[in-house]
Amino acid sequence: MTDAPASAPASDVAEARRQAETRRGILFILSSPSGAGKSTISRRLLADDPEFSFSISATTRAPRPGEVDGREYHFRTREQFEAMVEAGELLEHAEVFGNFYGTPRAPVEAALEAGRDVLFDVDWQGGQQLRNSALREAVASVFILPPSIAELERRLRARAQDPDAVIAHRMARARDEISHWDAYDYVLINDDLDRCEQEIRRILAAERLRRARRPGLVGFVQGLNREFQDRRS
């Protein structure tokens, strides 16, 4: 009678399974014109998804009341910001409404290497630079469109935060933002905030299972093939 094939030790099987489930982090980009919903959805994702961290940008704008350096932003002088650019310490940077904003590179790289996802709430320029950066393979990007231009303006006015001149400037900028919609992996229309959020969560679930983000699968499948070979011997 042929001896039964030897089974791999349980500890080896468990370790192979753990490695197969380990993944690289996602550099997850959300972009939209101001008022289309990306900031609200970003806050919701960060509030209840422990796999997410938020990329804290550096900026040259002055802190607003209640803002803390290192929490909302890394507040820097223009000279300090320019030195960061020169030293290659930023993944992306852009000028928005007269101030500079940029993403420090080191904490993002550390998070991705540890398998944590990093959320970026950026405009199309920031998204383009991230897609062209050394971390491009980690990127998954979503652009959020408003259901109509009239609704976009209504949302901006409903905030009751900005004077007419600022709203007019945001509306003009929205046209430029929307013109870059086709550079993104996914494009959603936010006519219902809850539904749009759920669509983004489904995108995230699929991206986290993408084969290219799970290098341990190679070793796991090799282990399965060894089991086949052992059965034939």
Protein backbone atom coordinates (compact mmCIF):
# COMPACT_ATOMS: atom_id res chain seq x y z
CA MET A 1 0.00 0.00 0.00
CA THR A 2 1.35 3.43 -0.93
CA ASP A 3 2.18 5.66 2.01
CA ALA A 4 0.03 8.78 2.35
CA PRO A 5 1.86 11.93 1.28
CA ALA A 6 3.42 13.90 4.12
CA SER A 7 1.59 17.06 5.01
CA ALA A 8 3.35 20.35 5.60
CA PRO A 9 3.56 21.34 9.27
CA ALA A 10 0.55 23.36 10.39
CA SER A 11 2.80 26.29 11.27
CA ASP A 12 4.19 26.39 7.71
CA VAL A 13 0.68 26.30 6.24
CA ALA A 14 -0.45 29.11 8.52
CA GLU A 15 2.60 31.21 7.64
CA ALA A 16 2.06 30.66 3.91
CA ARG A 17 -1.56 31.72 4.28
CA ARG A 18 -0.53 34.81 6.25
CA GLN A 19 1.96 35.79 3.58
CA ALA A 20 -0.69 35.27 0.88
CA GLU A 21 -3.05 37.64 2.68
CA THR A 22 -0.36 40.31 3.18
CA ARG A 23 -0.55 43.12 0.66
CA ARG A 24 1.12 46.33 -0.29
CA GLY A 25 -0.67 49.56 0.59
CA ILE A 26 -2.71 51.63 -1.85
CA LEU A 27 -2.06 55.25 -2.68
CA PHE A 28 -5.75 56.14 -3.02
CA ILE A 29 -6.53 59.42 -4.79
CA LEU A 30 -9.87 61.22 -4.55
CA SER A 31 -10.32 64.29 -6.73
CA SER A 32 -13.26 66.47 -7.64
CA PRO A 33 -14.15 70.11 -8.14
CA SER A 34 -14.81 71.95 -4.90
CA GLY A 35 -18.33 71.11 -3.73
CA ALA A 36 -18.62 67.72 -5.44
CA GLY A 37 -18.19 65.74 -2.23
CA LYS A 38 -14.63 64.40 -1.99
CA SER A 39 -13.84 66.00 1.39
CA THR A 40 -17.01 64.65 3.03
CA ILE A 41 -16.39 61.16 1.67
CA SER A 42 -12.74 61.34 2.73
CA ARG A 43 -13.77 62.14 6.31
CA ARG A 44 -16.19 59.21 6.35
CA LEU A 45 -13.60 56.76 5.06
CA LEU A 46 -11.03 57.87 7.59
CA ALA A 47 -13.53 57.73 10.46
CA ASP A 48 -14.38 54.04 10.16
CA ASP A 49 -11.76 52.31 8.02
CA PRO A 50 -8.76 51.34 10.18
CA GLU A 51 -6.68 50.42 7.12
CA PHE A 52 -6.63 54.06 6.02
CA SER A 53 -4.39 56.90 7.03
CA PHE A 54 -4.57 60.43 5.68
CA SER A 55 -1.70 62.10 3.92
CA ILE A 56 -1.01 65.32 5.84
CA SER A 57 0.09 67.96 3.37
CA ALA A 58 2.63 70.71 3.82
CA THR A 59 1.32 74.18 3.03
CA THR A 60 2.44 77.78 3.00
CA ARG A 61 -0.96 79.13 4.01
CA ALA A 62 -1.47 80.45 7.52
CA PRO A 63 -3.17 78.19 10.09
CA ARG A 64 -6.87 78.81 10.60
CA PRO A 65 -8.34 79.03 14.12
CA GLY A 66 -8.13 75.64 15.81
CA GLU A 67 -5.69 74.12 13.32
CA VAL A 68 -2.57 72.47 14.72
CA ASP A 69 0.75 72.02 12.93
CA GLY A 70 1.19 68.34 12.08
CA ARG A 71 -2.51 67.52 12.46
CA GLU A 72 -4.40 69.38 9.72
CA TYR A 73 -1.26 70.45 7.83
CA HIS A 74 2.47 70.83 8.19
CA PHE A 75 2.60 74.63 8.12
CA ARG A 76 5.75 75.94 6.45
CA THR A 77 7.08 79.26 5.24
CA ARG A 78 7.50 79.70 1.50
CA GLU A 79 11.27 79.40 1.94
CA GLN A 80 10.92 76.15 3.88
CA PHE A 81 8.52 74.77 1.30
CA GLU A 82 10.83 75.62 -1.59
CA ALA A 83 13.69 73.89 0.25
CA MET A 84 11.55 70.73 0.55
CA VAL A 85 10.87 70.81 -3.18
CA GLU A 86 14.56 71.28 -3.95
CA ALA A 87 15.53 68.37 -1.71
CA GLY A 88 13.02 66.01 -3.37
CA GLU A 89 11.07 65.59 -0.12
CA LEU A 90 7.64 66.03 -1.76
CA LEU A 91 5.77 63.52 -3.91
CA GLU A 92 3.69 66.28 -5.45
CA HIS A 93 3.11 70.00 -5.00
CA ALA A 94 1.01 72.72 -6.53
CA GLU A 95 -0.09 76.31 -6.03
CA VAL A 96 -3.77 76.67 -5.12
CA PHE A 97 -5.43 80.04 -4.51
CA GLY A 98 -2.05 81.70 -3.98
CA ASN A 99 -0.63 79.16 -1.52
CA PHE A 100 1.56 76.10 -2.04
CA TYR A 101 0.51 72.60 -1.00
CA GLY A 102 2.54 69.40 -1.20
CA THR A 103 2.80 65.81 0.02
CA PRO A 104 5.80 64.77 2.16
CA ARG A 105 7.27 61.62 0.67
CA ALA A 106 8.78 59.70 3.60
CA PRO A 107 5.61 58.98 5.66
CA VAL A 108 3.73 57.83 2.56
CA GLU A 109 6.46 55.39 1.57
CA ALA A 110 6.59 54.00 5.12
CA ALA A 111 2.81 53.47 5.24
CA LEU A 112 2.65 51.70 1.87
CA GLU A 113 5.54 49.41 2.79
CA ALA A 114 3.70 48.45 5.98
CA GLY A 115 0.57 47.55 3.99
CA ARG A 116 -1.46 50.58 5.03
CA ASP A 117 -3.50 52.61 2.56
CA VAL A 118 -2.96 56.35 2.27
CA LEU A 119 -5.82 58.63 1.25
CA PHE A 120 -5.13 61.70 -0.87
CA ASP A 121 -7.74 64.45 -1.21
CA VAL A 122 -6.03 66.38 -4.04
CA ASP A 123 -6.79 68.34 -7.19
CA TRP A 124 -6.02 67.05 -10.69
CA GLN A 125 -2.51 68.51 -10.63
CA GLY A 126 -1.65 66.65 -7.44
CA GLY A 127 -3.22 63.49 -8.82
CA GLN A 128 -1.19 63.75 -12.02
CA GLN A 129 2.06 64.18 -10.14
CA LEU A 130 1.29 61.20 -7.89
CA ARG A 131 0.50 59.04 -10.92
CA ASN A 132 3.84 60.07 -12.43
CA SER A 133 5.83 59.61 -9.22
CA ALA A 134 8.05 56.71 -8.16
CA LEU A 135 5.00 55.31 -6.32
CA ARG A 136 2.80 55.12 -9.42
CA GLU A 137 2.32 51.35 -9.11
CA ALA A 138 0.54 51.88 -5.78
CA VAL A 139 -1.99 54.36 -7.18
CA ALA A 140 -5.75 53.85 -7.52
CA SER A 141 -7.62 57.03 -8.44
CA VAL A 142 -11.25 58.17 -8.37
CA PHE A 143 -12.71 61.36 -9.83
CA ILE A 144 -16.08 62.54 -8.49
CA LEU A 145 -18.36 64.52 -10.80
CA PRO A 146 -21.32 66.66 -9.70
CA PRO A 147 -24.72 65.72 -11.16
CA SER A 148 -24.93 69.16 -12.80
CA ILE A 149 -23.18 72.52 -12.76
CA ALA A 150 -26.27 74.15 -11.26
CA GLU A 151 -26.19 71.66 -8.38
CA LEU A 152 -22.46 72.27 -7.89
CA GLU A 153 -23.05 76.00 -7.48
CA ARG A 154 -25.98 75.36 -5.14
CA ARG A 155 -23.78 73.24 -2.89
CA LEU A 156 -21.07 75.90 -2.79
CA ARG A 157 -23.59 78.58 -1.83
CA ALA A 158 -25.23 76.31 0.76
CA ARG A 159 -22.00 76.26 2.72
CA ALA A 160 -22.48 79.98 3.45
CA GLN A 161 -18.72 80.25 3.93
CA ASP A 162 -17.50 82.15 0.88
CA PRO A 163 -18.33 85.52 -0.71
CA ASP A 164 -19.62 85.64 -4.28
CA ALA A 165 -16.19 86.40 -5.72
CA VAL A 166 -14.71 83.26 -4.17
CA ILE A 167 -17.62 81.14 -5.36
CA ALA A 168 -17.19 82.52 -8.88
CA HIS A 169 -13.50 81.62 -8.75
CA ARG A 170 -14.28 78.10 -7.54
CA MET A 171 -16.81 77.63 -10.32
CA ALA A 172 -14.27 78.75 -12.93
CA ARG A 173 -11.72 76.36 -11.48
CA ALA A 174 -14.31 73.54 -11.50
CA ARG A 175 -14.44 73.63 -15.29
CA ASP A 176 -10.69 73.08 -15.47
CA GLU A 177 -10.85 70.30 -12.87
CA ILE A 178 -13.63 68.45 -14.71
CA SER A 179 -11.69 68.58 -17.98
CA HIS A 180 -9.21 66.08 -16.50
CA TRP A 181 -11.79 63.44 -15.55
CA ASP A 182 -10.52 60.89 -18.06
CA ALA A 183 -7.08 60.61 -16.43
CA TYR A 184 -8.59 58.66 -13.50
CA ASP A 185 -9.11 54.93 -13.02
CA TYR A 186 -12.71 55.35 -11.85
CA VAL A 187 -15.23 58.15 -12.38
CA LEU A 188 -18.37 58.50 -10.25
CA ILE A 189 -21.32 60.90 -10.37
CA ASN A 190 -22.25 62.12 -6.90
CA ASP A 191 -25.99 62.65 -7.13
CA ASP A 192 -26.42 60.80 -3.82
CA LEU A 193 -23.63 61.06 -1.25
CA ASP A 194 -24.34 57.75 0.52
CA ARG A 195 -24.49 55.81 -2.74
CA CYS A 196 -21.29 57.45 -4.00
CA GLU A 197 -19.54 56.53 -0.76
CA GLN A 198 -20.63 52.89 -1.09
CA GLU A 199 -19.37 52.77 -4.68
CA ILE A 200 -15.98 54.01 -3.48
CA ARG A 201 -15.91 51.35 -0.77
CA ARG A 202 -16.57 48.67 -3.41
CA ILE A 203 -13.70 50.06 -5.49
CA LEU A 204 -11.46 49.89 -2.43
CA ALA A 205 -12.45 46.30 -1.69
CA ALA A 206 -11.54 45.24 -5.24
CA GLU A 207 -8.28 47.21 -5.29
CA ARG A 208 -7.17 45.63 -2.02
CA LEU A 209 -7.57 42.18 -3.59
CA ARG A 210 -5.71 43.04 -6.79
CA ARG A 211 -3.13 40.32 -7.49
CA ALA A 212 -0.28 42.77 -8.08
CA ARG A 213 -0.68 44.13 -4.52
CA ARG A 214 -0.29 40.65 -2.95
CA PRO A 215 3.27 39.43 -3.55
CA GLY A 216 2.86 36.57 -1.07
CA LEU A 217 0.47 34.79 -3.43
CA VAL A 218 3.44 33.56 -5.46
CA GLY A 219 4.84 31.60 -2.53
CA PHE A 220 1.37 30.30 -1.61
CA VAL A 221 0.74 28.92 -5.11
CA GLN A 222 4.22 27.39 -5.16
CA GLY A 223 3.27 25.60 -1.95
CA LEU A 224 0.10 24.25 -3.57
CA ASN A 225 2.16 22.94 -6.49
CA ARG A 226 4.55 21.21 -4.07
CA GLU A 227 1.54 19.47 -2.54
CA PHE A 228 0.58 18.16 -5.97
CA GLN A 229 4.12 16.89 -6.51
CA ASP A 230 4.17 15.21 -3.10
CA ARG A 231 0.93 13.39 -3.94
CA ARG A 232 2.44 12.00 -7.14
CA SER A 233 5.62 10.79 -5.47
